Amino acid sequence: MNVKRTTAPGTIDRPLTHDPKNQAPMTPSIDELPARTSDALASHQNRNLEMQLMPEALARAHMQQRLAEAENERRSLRLLAARRLQRRAERASMRARRALAMAVMQ
């Protein structure tokens, strides 16, 4: 089967090649764009870049939130364990005092 290869650039999901050096640039070159002022061109490119990076920024913020929640959970579990151990130590101290008082009274 003879597959004809087109010169059209691939998509982000299905690039023509996985080699970054041979992939088409993400933004069109200045020659391919209609005539604009340099400020409008720069703002357009920045806006496109921001739109492309939004899912990445959202995922990063979500991961930071999940990490903070996990750290708070670990902190609360350590606090509960420390309180449990403190109560156990207080009960042991009371038993020791009672035993000492009983021994002194005898």
PDB file of N, CA and C in Angstrom:
ATOM      1  N   MET A   1       0.845  -1.181   0.000  1.00  0.00           N
ATOM      2  CA  MET A   1       0.000   0.000   0.000  1.00  0.00           C
ATOM      3  C   MET A   1       0.885   1.237   0.000  1.00  0.00           C
ATOM      4  N   ASN A   2       0.631   2.122  -0.914  1.00  0.00           N
ATOM      5  CA  ASN A   2       1.442   3.316  -1.054  1.00  0.00           C
ATOM      6  C   ASN A   2       0.735   4.480  -0.353  1.00  0.00           C
ATOM      7  N   VAL A   3       1.358   5.002   0.702  1.00  0.00           N
ATOM      8  CA  VAL A   3       0.767   6.100   1.450  1.00  0.00           C
ATOM      9  C   VAL A   3       1.421   7.391   1.008  1.00  0.00           C
ATOM     10  N   LYS A   4       0.604   8.331   0.583  1.00  0.00           N
ATOM     11  CA  LYS A   4       1.133   9.617   0.151  1.00  0.00           C
ATOM     12  C   LYS A   4       1.239  10.533   1.365  1.00  0.00           C
ATOM     13  N   ARG A   5       2.370  11.110   1.556  1.00  0.00           N
ATOM     14  CA  ARG A   5       2.609  11.996   2.683  1.00  0.00           C
ATOM     15  C   ARG A   5       2.353  13.433   2.269  1.00  0.00           C
ATOM     16  N   THR A   6       1.545  14.128   3.079  1.00  0.00           N
ATOM     17  CA  THR A   6       1.253  15.513   2.742  1.00  0.00           C
ATOM     18  C   THR A   6       2.268  16.424   3.414  1.00  0.00           C
ATOM     19  N   THR A   7       2.327  17.644   2.917  1.00  0.00           N
ATOM     20  CA  THR A   7       3.254  18.602   3.508  1.00  0.00           C
ATOM     21  C   THR A   7       2.575  19.419   4.592  1.00  0.00           C
ATOM     22  N   ALA A   8       1.289  19.157   4.869  1.00  0.00           N
ATOM     23  CA  ALA A   8       0.585  19.898   5.914  1.00  0.00           C
ATOM     24  C   ALA A   8       1.165  19.507   7.273  1.00  0.00           C
ATOM     25  N   PRO A   9       1.312  20.489   8.139  1.00  0.00           N
ATOM     26  CA  PRO A   9       1.879  20.161   9.456  1.00  0.00           C
ATOM     27  C   PRO A   9       0.914  19.290  10.248  1.00  0.00           C
ATOM     28  N   GLY A  10       1.456  18.481  11.151  1.00  0.00           N
ATOM     29  CA  GLY A  10       0.627  17.638  11.993  1.00  0.00           C
ATOM     30  C   GLY A  10      -0.043  18.443  13.084  1.00  0.00           C
ATOM     31  N   THR A  11      -0.831  17.765  13.887  1.00  0.00           N
ATOM     32  CA  THR A  11      -1.492  18.430  15.002  1.00  0.00           C
ATOM     33  C   THR A  11      -0.670  18.222  16.266  1.00  0.00           C
ATOM     34  N   ILE A  12      -1.107  18.846  17.342  1.00  0.00           N
ATOM     35  CA  ILE A  12      -0.391  18.660  18.613  1.00  0.00           C
ATOM     36  C   ILE A  12      -0.498  17.214  19.055  1.00  0.00           C
ATOM     37  N   ASP A  13      -1.709  16.629  18.895  1.00  0.00           N
ATOM     38  CA  ASP A  13      -1.921  15.247  19.319  1.00  0.00           C
ATOM     39  C   ASP A  13      -1.242  14.247  18.396  1.00  0.00           C
ATOM     40  N   ARG A  14      -1.195  14.557  17.126  1.00  0.00           N
ATOM     41  CA  ARG A  14      -0.595  13.636  16.157  1.00  0.00           C
ATOM     42  C   ARG A  14       0.418  14.381  15.291  1.00  0.00           C
ATOM     43  N   PRO A  15       1.617  14.621  15.828  1.00  0.00           N
ATOM     44  CA  PRO A  15       2.623  15.317  15.013  1.00  0.00           C
ATOM     45  C   PRO A  15       3.121  14.411  13.902  1.00  0.00           C
ATOM     46  N   LEU A  16       3.637  15.039  12.843  1.00  0.00           N
ATOM     47  CA  LEU A  16       4.184  14.250  11.744  1.00  0.00           C
ATOM     48  C   LEU A  16       5.378  13.430  12.224  1.00  0.00           C
ATOM     49  N   THR A  17       6.139  13.994  13.144  1.00  0.00           N
ATOM     50  CA  THR A  17       7.285  13.294  13.694  1.00  0.00           C
ATOM     51  C   THR A  17       7.372  13.596  15.178  1.00  0.00           C
ATOM     52  N   HIS A  18       7.944  12.697  15.932  1.00  0.00           N
ATOM     53  CA  HIS A  18       8.094  12.915  17.371  1.00  0.00           C
ATOM     54  C   HIS A  18       9.437  13.556  17.703  1.00  0.00           C
ATOM     55  N   ASP A  19      10.254  13.756  16.684  1.00  0.00           N
ATOM     56  CA  ASP A  19      11.543  14.407  16.898  1.00  0.00           C
ATOM     57  C   ASP A  19      11.311  15.915  16.981  1.00  0.00           C
ATOM     58  N   PRO A  20      11.597  16.557  18.144  1.00  0.00           N
ATOM     59  CA  PRO A  20      11.314  17.987  18.282  1.00  0.00           C
ATOM     60  C   PRO A  20      12.032  18.859  17.268  1.00  0.00           C
ATOM     61  N   LYS A  21      13.198  18.423  16.809  1.00  0.00           N
ATOM     62  CA  LYS A  21      13.957  19.237  15.862  1.00  0.00           C
ATOM     63  C   LYS A  21      13.273  19.302  14.494  1.00  0.00           C
ATOM     64  N   ASN A  22      12.551  18.251  14.134  1.00  0.00           N
ATOM     65  CA  ASN A  22      11.932  18.190  12.814  1.00  0.00           C
ATOM     66  C   ASN A  22      10.477  18.626  12.816  1.00  0.00           C
ATOM     67  N   GLN A  23       9.914  18.942  13.971  1.00  0.00           N
ATOM     68  CA  GLN A  23       8.516  19.356  14.030  1.00  0.00           C
ATOM     69  C   GLN A  23       8.375  20.796  13.565  1.00  0.00           C
ATOM     70  N   ALA A  24       7.200  21.079  13.060  1.00  0.00           N
ATOM     71  CA  ALA A  24       6.912  22.446  12.638  1.00  0.00           C
ATOM     72  C   ALA A  24       6.783  23.318  13.874  1.00  0.00           C
ATOM     73  N   PRO A  25       7.171  24.582  13.785  1.00  0.00           N
ATOM     74  CA  PRO A  25       7.035  25.454  14.968  1.00  0.00           C
ATOM     75  C   PRO A  25       5.574  25.625  15.337  1.00  0.00           C
ATOM     76  N   MET A  26       5.313  25.856  16.639  1.00  0.00           N
ATOM     77  CA  MET A  26       3.946  25.990  17.121  1.00  0.00           C
ATOM     78  C   MET A  26       3.286  27.258  16.582  1.00  0.00           C
ATOM     79  N   THR A  27       4.046  28.323  16.464  1.00  0.00           N
ATOM     80  CA  THR A  27       3.487  29.583  15.973  1.00  0.00           C
ATOM     81  C   THR A  27       3.949  29.785  14.543  1.00  0.00           C
ATOM     82  N   PRO A  28       3.098  30.340  13.713  1.00  0.00           N
ATOM     83  CA  PRO A  28       3.525  30.595  12.330  1.00  0.00           C
ATOM     84  C   PRO A  28       4.615  31.650  12.300  1.00  0.00           C
ATOM     85  N   SER A  29       5.405  31.585  11.261  1.00  0.00           N
ATOM     86  CA  SER A  29       6.470  32.578  11.147  1.00  0.00           C
ATOM     87  C   SER A  29       5.868  33.945  10.808  1.00  0.00           C
ATOM     88  N   ILE A  30       6.650  34.973  10.945  1.00  0.00           N
ATOM     89  CA  ILE A  30       6.174  36.344  10.706  1.00  0.00           C
ATOM     90  C   ILE A  30       5.790  36.514   9.238  1.00  0.00           C
ATOM     91  N   ASP A  31       6.458  35.785   8.328  1.00  0.00           N
ATOM     92  CA  ASP A  31       6.145  35.894   6.909  1.00  0.00           C
ATOM     93  C   ASP A  31       4.749  35.356   6.607  1.00  0.00           C
ATOM     94  N   GLU A  32       4.307  34.340   7.359  1.00  0.00           N
ATOM     95  CA  GLU A  32       3.014  33.720   7.088  1.00  0.00           C
ATOM     96  C   GLU A  32       1.851  34.532   7.654  1.00  0.00           C
ATOM     97  N   LEU A  33       2.121  35.420   8.599  1.00  0.00           N
ATOM     98  CA  LEU A  33       1.058  36.190   9.235  1.00  0.00           C
ATOM     99  C   LEU A  33       0.725  37.424   8.404  1.00  0.00           C
ATOM    100  N   PRO A  34      -0.520  37.899   8.473  1.00  0.00           N
ATOM    101  CA  PRO A  34      -0.833  39.161   7.794  1.00  0.00           C
ATOM    102  C   PRO A  34      -0.071  40.302   8.451  1.00  0.00           C
ATOM    103  N   ALA A  35       0.056  41.391   7.723  1.00  0.00           N
ATOM    104  CA  ALA A  35       0.831  42.521   8.231  1.00  0.00           C
ATOM    105  C   ALA A  35       0.147  43.092   9.487  1.00  0.00           C
ATOM    106  N   ARG A  36       0.902  43.185  10.578  1.00  0.00           N
ATOM    107  CA  ARG A  36       0.408  43.747  11.839  1.00  0.00           C
ATOM    108  C   ARG A  36       1.525  44.564  12.453  1.00  0.00           C
ATOM    109  N   THR A  37       1.157  45.320  13.448  1.00  0.00           N
ATOM    110  CA  THR A  37       2.202  46.021  14.172  1.00  0.00           C
ATOM    111  C   THR A  37       2.894  45.019  15.084  1.00  0.00           C
ATOM    112  N   SER A  38       4.093  45.333  15.501  1.00  0.00           N
ATOM    113  CA  SER A  38       4.852  44.394  16.326  1.00  0.00           C
ATOM    114  C   SER A  38       4.194  44.200  17.692  1.00  0.00           C
ATOM    115  N   ASP A  39       3.545  45.251  18.242  1.00  0.00           N
ATOM    116  CA  ASP A  39       2.866  45.117  19.532  1.00  0.00           C
ATOM    117  C   ASP A  39       1.690  44.158  19.433  1.00  0.00           C
ATOM    118  N   ALA A  40       0.903  44.299  18.360  1.00  0.00           N
ATOM    119  CA  ALA A  40      -0.251  43.415  18.176  1.00  0.00           C
ATOM    120  C   ALA A  40       0.224  41.985  17.980  1.00  0.00           C
ATOM    121  N   LEU A  41       1.305  41.805  17.237  1.00  0.00           N
ATOM    122  CA  LEU A  41       1.843  40.473  17.010  1.00  0.00           C
ATOM    123  C   LEU A  41       2.321  39.864  18.322  1.00  0.00           C
ATOM    124  N   ALA A  42       3.034  40.643  19.110  1.00  0.00           N
ATOM    125  CA  ALA A  42       3.548  40.134  20.379  1.00  0.00           C
ATOM    126  C   ALA A  42       2.403  39.775  21.315  1.00  0.00           C
ATOM    127  N   SER A  43       1.370  40.616  21.395  1.00  0.00           N
ATOM    128  CA  SER A  43       0.252  40.311  22.291  1.00  0.00           C
ATOM    129  C   SER A  43      -0.496  39.081  21.797  1.00  0.00           C
ATOM    130  N   HIS A  44      -0.621  38.919  20.486  1.00  0.00           N
ATOM    131  CA  HIS A  44      -1.296  37.744  19.921  1.00  0.00           C
ATOM    132  C   HIS A  44      -0.518  36.478  20.269  1.00  0.00           C
ATOM    133  N   GLN A  45       0.799  36.519  20.111  1.00  0.00           N
ATOM    134  CA  GLN A  45       1.613  35.350  20.424  1.00  0.00           C
ATOM    135  C   GLN A  45       1.581  35.049  21.918  1.00  0.00           C
ATOM    136  N   ASN A  46       1.623  36.080  22.765  1.00  0.00           N
ATOM    137  CA  ASN A  46       1.550  35.859  24.203  1.00  0.00           C
ATOM    138  C   ASN A  46       0.213  35.244  24.588  1.00  0.00           C
ATOM    139  N   ARG A  47      -0.857  35.729  23.968  1.00  0.00           N
ATOM    140  CA  ARG A  47      -2.185  35.204  24.267  1.00  0.00           C
ATOM    141  C   ARG A  47      -2.273  33.736  23.854  1.00  0.00           C
ATOM    142  N   ASN A  48      -1.735  33.402  22.689  1.00  0.00           N
ATOM    143  CA  ASN A  48      -1.732  32.009  22.249  1.00  0.00           C
ATOM    144  C   ASN A  48      -0.918  31.148  23.205  1.00  0.00           C
ATOM    145  N   LEU A  49       0.237  31.637  23.614  1.00  0.00           N
ATOM    146  CA  LEU A  49       1.086  30.878  24.528  1.00  0.00           C
ATOM    147  C   LEU A  49       0.385  30.684  25.857  1.00  0.00           C
ATOM    148  N   GLU A  50      -0.264  31.743  26.369  1.00  0.00           N
ATOM    149  CA  GLU A  50      -0.993  31.619  27.632  1.00  0.00           C
ATOM    150  C   GLU A  50      -2.110  30.593  27.515  1.00  0.00           C
ATOM    151  N   MET A  51      -2.807  30.589  26.401  1.00  0.00           N
ATOM    152  CA  MET A  51      -3.898  29.628  26.199  1.00  0.00           C
ATOM    153  C   MET A  51      -3.358  28.208  26.157  1.00  0.00           C
ATOM    154  N   GLN A  52      -2.201  28.022  25.550  1.00  0.00           N
ATOM    155  CA  GLN A  52      -1.619  26.684  25.481  1.00  0.00           C
ATOM    156  C   GLN A  52      -1.125  26.221  26.844  1.00  0.00           C
ATOM    157  N   LEU A  53      -0.679  27.172  27.668  1.00  0.00           N
ATOM    158  CA  LEU A  53      -0.120  26.806  28.969  1.00  0.00           C
ATOM    159  C   LEU A  53      -1.170  26.758  30.078  1.00  0.00           C
ATOM    160  N   MET A  54      -2.398  27.173  29.793  1.00  0.00           N
ATOM    161  CA  MET A  54      -3.435  27.177  30.832  1.00  0.00           C
ATOM    162  C   MET A  54      -3.687  25.805  31.449  1.00  0.00           C
ATOM    163  N   PRO A  55      -3.851  24.731  30.672  1.00  0.00           N
ATOM    164  CA  PRO A  55      -4.071  23.425  31.306  1.00  0.00           C
ATOM    165  C   PRO A  55      -2.901  23.014  32.199  1.00  0.00           C
ATOM    166  N   GLU A  56      -1.692  23.363  31.765  1.00  0.00           N
ATOM    167  CA  GLU A  56      -0.514  23.050  32.562  1.00  0.00           C
ATOM    168  C   GLU A  56      -0.538  23.807  33.891  1.00  0.00           C
ATOM    169  N   ALA A  57      -0.879  25.093  33.840  1.00  0.00           N
ATOM    170  CA  ALA A  57      -0.949  25.894  35.062  1.00  0.00           C
ATOM    171  C   ALA A  57      -2.063  25.397  35.964  1.00  0.00           C
ATOM    172  N   LEU A  58      -3.177  25.009  35.386  1.00  0.00           N
ATOM    173  CA  LEU A  58      -4.290  24.482  36.169  1.00  0.00           C
ATOM    174  C   LEU A  58      -3.898  23.181  36.850  1.00  0.00           C
ATOM    175  N   ALA A  59      -3.219  22.306  36.123  1.00  0.00           N
ATOM    176  CA  ALA A  59      -2.773  21.036  36.702  1.00  0.00           C
ATOM    177  C   ALA A  59      -1.762  21.284  37.819  1.00  0.00           C
ATOM    178  N   ARG A  60      -0.861  22.260  37.609  1.00  0.00           N
ATOM    179  CA  ARG A  60       0.135  22.568  38.642  1.00  0.00           C
ATOM    180  C   ARG A  60      -0.547  23.095  39.904  1.00  0.00           C
ATOM    181  N   ALA A  61      -1.529  23.985  39.740  1.00  0.00           N
ATOM    182  CA  ALA A  61      -2.260  24.524  40.899  1.00  0.00           C
ATOM    183  C   ALA A  61      -3.029  23.426  41.613  1.00  0.00           C
ATOM    184  N   HIS A  62      -3.611  22.519  40.828  1.00  0.00           N
ATOM    185  CA  HIS A  62      -4.355  21.413  41.428  1.00  0.00           C
ATOM    186  C   HIS A  62      -3.427  20.506  42.236  1.00  0.00           C
ATOM    187  N   MET A  63      -2.256  20.221  41.683  1.00  0.00           N
ATOM    188  CA  MET A  63      -1.296  19.368  42.409  1.00  0.00           C
ATOM    189  C   MET A  63      -0.807  20.054  43.676  1.00  0.00           C
ATOM    190  N   GLN A  64      -0.567  21.360  43.631  1.00  0.00           N
ATOM    191  CA  GLN A  64      -0.146  22.081  44.835  1.00  0.00           C
ATOM    192  C   GLN A  64      -1.235  22.033  45.895  1.00  0.00           C
ATOM    193  N   GLN A  65      -2.486  22.154  45.471  1.00  0.00           N
ATOM    194  CA  GLN A  65      -3.598  22.076  46.422  1.00  0.00           C
ATOM    195  C   GLN A  65      -3.677  20.682  47.027  1.00  0.00           C
ATOM    196  N   ARG A  66      -3.519  19.648  46.201  1.00  0.00           N
ATOM    197  CA  ARG A  66      -3.575  18.276  46.714  1.00  0.00           C
ATOM    198  C   ARG A  66      -2.419  18.003  47.671  1.00  0.00           C
ATOM    199  N   LEU A  67      -1.231  18.514  47.366  1.00  0.00           N
ATOM    200  CA  LEU A  67      -0.083  18.337  48.260  1.00  0.00           C
ATOM    201  C   LEU A  67      -0.316  19.037  49.595  1.00  0.00           C
ATOM    202  N   ALA A  68      -0.898  20.238  49.552  1.00  0.00           N
ATOM    203  CA  ALA A  68      -1.190  20.961  50.790  1.00  0.00           C
ATOM    204  C   ALA A  68      -2.226  20.210  51.620  1.00  0.00           C
ATOM    205  N   GLU A  69      -3.249  19.655  50.955  1.00  0.00           N
ATOM    206  CA  GLU A  69      -4.252  18.863  51.680  1.00  0.00           C
ATOM    207  C   GLU A  69      -3.627  17.639  52.312  1.00  0.00           C
ATOM    208  N   ALA A  70      -2.744  16.962  51.588  1.00  0.00           N
ATOM    209  CA  ALA A  70      -2.083  15.767  52.118  1.00  0.00           C
ATOM    210  C   ALA A  70      -1.207  16.128  53.320  1.00  0.00           C
ATOM    211  N   GLU A  71      -0.501  17.250  53.223  1.00  0.00           N
ATOM    212  CA  GLU A  71       0.356  17.681  54.344  1.00  0.00           C
ATOM    213  C   GLU A  71      -0.498  18.015  55.568  1.00  0.00           C
ATOM    214  N   ASN A  72      -1.634  18.686  55.373  1.00  0.00           N
ATOM    215  CA  ASN A  72      -2.532  18.982  56.494  1.00  0.00           C
ATOM    216  C   ASN A  72      -3.073  17.693  57.113  1.00  0.00           C
ATOM    217  N   GLU A  73      -3.398  16.727  56.270  1.00  0.00           N
ATOM    218  CA  GLU A  73      -3.895  15.437  56.769  1.00  0.00           C
ATOM    219  C   GLU A  73      -2.823  14.732  57.602  1.00  0.00           C
ATOM    220  N   ARG A  74      -1.581  14.733  57.097  1.00  0.00           N
ATOM    221  CA  ARG A  74      -0.487  14.098  57.862  1.00  0.00           C
ATOM    222  C   ARG A  74      -0.266  14.809  59.189  1.00  0.00           C
ATOM    223  N   ARG A  75      -0.330  16.141  59.166  1.00  0.00           N
ATOM    224  CA  ARG A  75      -0.140  16.922  60.385  1.00  0.00           C
ATOM    225  C   ARG A  75      -1.230  16.591  61.419  1.00  0.00           C
ATOM    226  N   SER A  76      -2.480  16.505  60.963  1.00  0.00           N
ATOM    227  CA  SER A  76      -3.572  16.204  61.898  1.00  0.00           C
ATOM    228  C   SER A  76      -3.461  14.779  62.440  1.00  0.00           C
ATOM    229  N   LEU A  77      -3.014  13.836  61.607  1.00  0.00           N
ATOM    230  CA  LEU A  77      -2.834  12.465  62.093  1.00  0.00           C
ATOM    231  C   LEU A  77      -1.718  12.389  63.134  1.00  0.00           C
ATOM    232  N   ARG A  78      -0.639  13.139  62.925  1.00  0.00           N
ATOM    233  CA  ARG A  78       0.447  13.160  63.921  1.00  0.00           C
ATOM    234  C   ARG A  78      -0.036  13.776  65.226  1.00  0.00           C
ATOM    235  N   LEU A  79      -0.862  14.823  65.150  1.00  0.00           N
ATOM    236  CA  LEU A  79      -1.400  15.457  66.351  1.00  0.00           C
ATOM    237  C   LEU A  79      -2.306  14.495  67.108  1.00  0.00           C
ATOM    238  N   LEU A  80      -3.163  13.767  66.391  1.00  0.00           N
ATOM    239  CA  LEU A  80      -4.032  12.786  67.053  1.00  0.00           C
ATOM    240  C   LEU A  80      -3.218  11.692  67.731  1.00  0.00           C
ATOM    241  N   ALA A  81      -2.185  11.211  67.064  1.00  0.00           N
ATOM    242  CA  ALA A  81      -1.343  10.173  67.660  1.00  0.00           C
ATOM    243  C   ALA A  81      -0.624  10.707  68.898  1.00  0.00           C
ATOM    244  N   ALA A  82      -0.147  11.943  68.847  1.00  0.00           N
ATOM    245  CA  ALA A  82       0.538  12.528  70.002  1.00  0.00           C
ATOM    246  C   ALA A  82      -0.423  12.673  71.175  1.00  0.00           C
ATOM    247  N   ARG A  83      -1.654  13.104  70.925  1.00  0.00           N
ATOM    248  CA  ARG A  83      -2.634  13.219  72.011  1.00  0.00           C
ATOM    249  C   ARG A  83      -2.962  11.861  72.606  1.00  0.00           C
ATOM    250  N   ARG A  84      -3.093  10.845  71.752  1.00  0.00           N
ATOM    251  CA  ARG A  84      -3.361   9.486  72.234  1.00  0.00           C
ATOM    252  C   ARG A  84      -2.236   9.006  73.138  1.00  0.00           C
ATOM    253  N   LEU A  85      -0.982   9.235  72.702  1.00  0.00           N
ATOM    254  CA  LEU A  85       0.172   8.820  73.519  1.00  0.00           C
ATOM    255  C   LEU A  85       0.224   9.618  74.823  1.00  0.00           C
ATOM    256  N   GLN A  86      -0.143  10.893  74.780  1.00  0.00           N
ATOM    257  CA  GLN A  86      -0.140  11.710  76.000  1.00  0.00           C
ATOM    258  C   GLN A  86      -1.161  11.169  77.007  1.00  0.00           C
ATOM    259  N   ARG A  87      -2.359  10.828  76.516  1.00  0.00           N
ATOM    260  CA  ARG A  87      -3.374  10.272  77.430  1.00  0.00           C
ATOM    261  C   ARG A  87      -2.913   8.944  78.024  1.00  0.00           C
ATOM    262  N   ARG A  88      -2.270   8.119  77.204  1.00  0.00           N
ATOM    263  CA  ARG A  88      -1.759   6.841  77.705  1.00  0.00           C
ATOM    264  C   ARG A  88      -0.695   7.067  78.775  1.00  0.00           C
ATOM    265  N   ALA A  89       0.193   8.043  78.543  1.00  0.00           N
ATOM    266  CA  ALA A  89       1.246   8.343  79.524  1.00  0.00           C
ATOM    267  C   ALA A  89       0.632   8.898  80.817  1.00  0.00           C
ATOM    268  N   GLU A  90      -0.405   9.731  80.706  1.00  0.00           N
ATOM    269  CA  GLU A  90      -1.062  10.253  81.905  1.00  0.00           C
ATOM    270  C   GLU A  90      -1.708   9.139  82.703  1.00  0.00           C
ATOM    271  N   ARG A  91      -2.344   8.184  82.020  1.00  0.00           N
ATOM    272  CA  ARG A  91      -2.946   7.046  82.741  1.00  0.00           C
ATOM    273  C   ARG A  91      -1.883   6.207  83.435  1.00  0.00           C
ATOM    274  N   ALA A  92      -0.752   5.993  82.763  1.00  0.00           N
ATOM    275  CA  ALA A  92       0.336   5.226  83.385  1.00  0.00           C
ATOM    276  C   ALA A  92       0.891   5.980  84.585  1.00  0.00           C
ATOM    277  N   SER A  93       1.002   7.310  84.486  1.00  0.00           N
ATOM    278  CA  SER A  93       1.490   8.116  85.609  1.00  0.00           C
ATOM    279  C   SER A  93       0.534   8.019  86.795  1.00  0.00           C
ATOM    280  N   MET A  94      -0.765   8.084  86.544  1.00  0.00           N
ATOM    281  CA  MET A  94      -1.754   7.963  87.620  1.00  0.00           C
ATOM    282  C   MET A  94      -1.688   6.581  88.275  1.00  0.00           C
ATOM    283  N   ARG A  95      -1.502   5.544  87.482  1.00  0.00           N
ATOM    284  CA  ARG A  95      -1.371   4.191  88.056  1.00  0.00           C
ATOM    285  C   ARG A  95      -0.134   4.109  88.940  1.00  0.00           C
ATOM    286  N   ALA A  96       0.971   4.721  88.469  1.00  0.00           N
ATOM    287  CA  ALA A  96       2.209   4.690  89.258  1.00  0.00           C
ATOM    288  C   ALA A  96       2.025   5.469  90.563  1.00  0.00           C
ATOM    289  N   ARG A  97       1.358   6.620  90.528  1.00  0.00           N
ATOM    290  CA  ARG A  97       1.109   7.395  91.748  1.00  0.00           C
ATOM    291  C   ARG A  97       0.241   6.607  92.727  1.00  0.00           C
ATOM    292  N   ARG A  98      -0.803   5.972  92.197  1.00  0.00           N
ATOM    293  CA  ARG A  98      -1.695   5.183  93.049  1.00  0.00           C
ATOM    294  C   ARG A  98      -0.929   4.041  93.704  1.00  0.00           C
ATOM    295  N   ALA A  99      -0.086   3.360  92.897  1.00  0.00           N
ATOM    296  CA  ALA A  99       0.707   2.256  93.448  1.00  0.00           C
ATOM    297  C   ALA A  99       1.664   2.759  94.520  1.00  0.00           C
ATOM    298  N   LEU A 100       2.279   3.924  94.300  1.00  0.00           N
ATOM    299  CA  LEU A 100       3.201   4.487  95.271  1.00  0.00           C
ATOM    300  C   LEU A 100       2.464   4.884  96.561  1.00  0.00           C
ATOM    301  N   ALA A 101       1.302   5.475  96.394  1.00  0.00           N
ATOM    302  CA  ALA A 101       0.505   5.862  97.569  1.00  0.00           C
ATOM    303  C   ALA A 101       0.093   4.628  98.360  1.00  0.00           C
ATOM    304  N   MET A 102      -0.293   3.569  97.668  1.00  0.00           N
ATOM    305  CA  MET A 102      -0.677   2.331  98.353  1.00  0.00           C
ATOM    306  C   MET A 102       0.526   1.748  99.090  1.00  0.00           C
ATOM    307  N   ALA A 103       1.708   1.810  98.477  1.00  0.00           N
ATOM    308  CA  ALA A 103       2.906   1.243  99.121  1.00  0.00           C
ATOM    309  C   ALA A 103       3.277   2.072 100.351  1.00  0.00           C
ATOM    310  N   VAL A 104       3.114   3.397 100.302  1.00  0.00           N
ATOM    311  CA  VAL A 104       3.460   4.248 101.439  1.00  0.00           C
ATOM    312  C   VAL A 104       2.465   4.022 102.577  1.00  0.00           C
ATOM    313  N   MET A 105       1.195   3.810 102.238  1.00  0.00           N
ATOM    314  CA  MET A 105       0.169   3.619 103.260  1.00  0.00           C
ATOM    315  C   MET A 105       0.335   2.290 103.964  1.00  0.00           C
ATOM    316  N   GLN A 106       0.923   1.305 103.410  1.00  0.00           N
ATOM    317  CA  GLN A 106       1.070  -0.022 104.030  1.00  0.00           C
ATOM    318  C   GLN A 106       2.038  -0.026 105.144  1.00  0.00           C
TER     319      GLN A 106
END
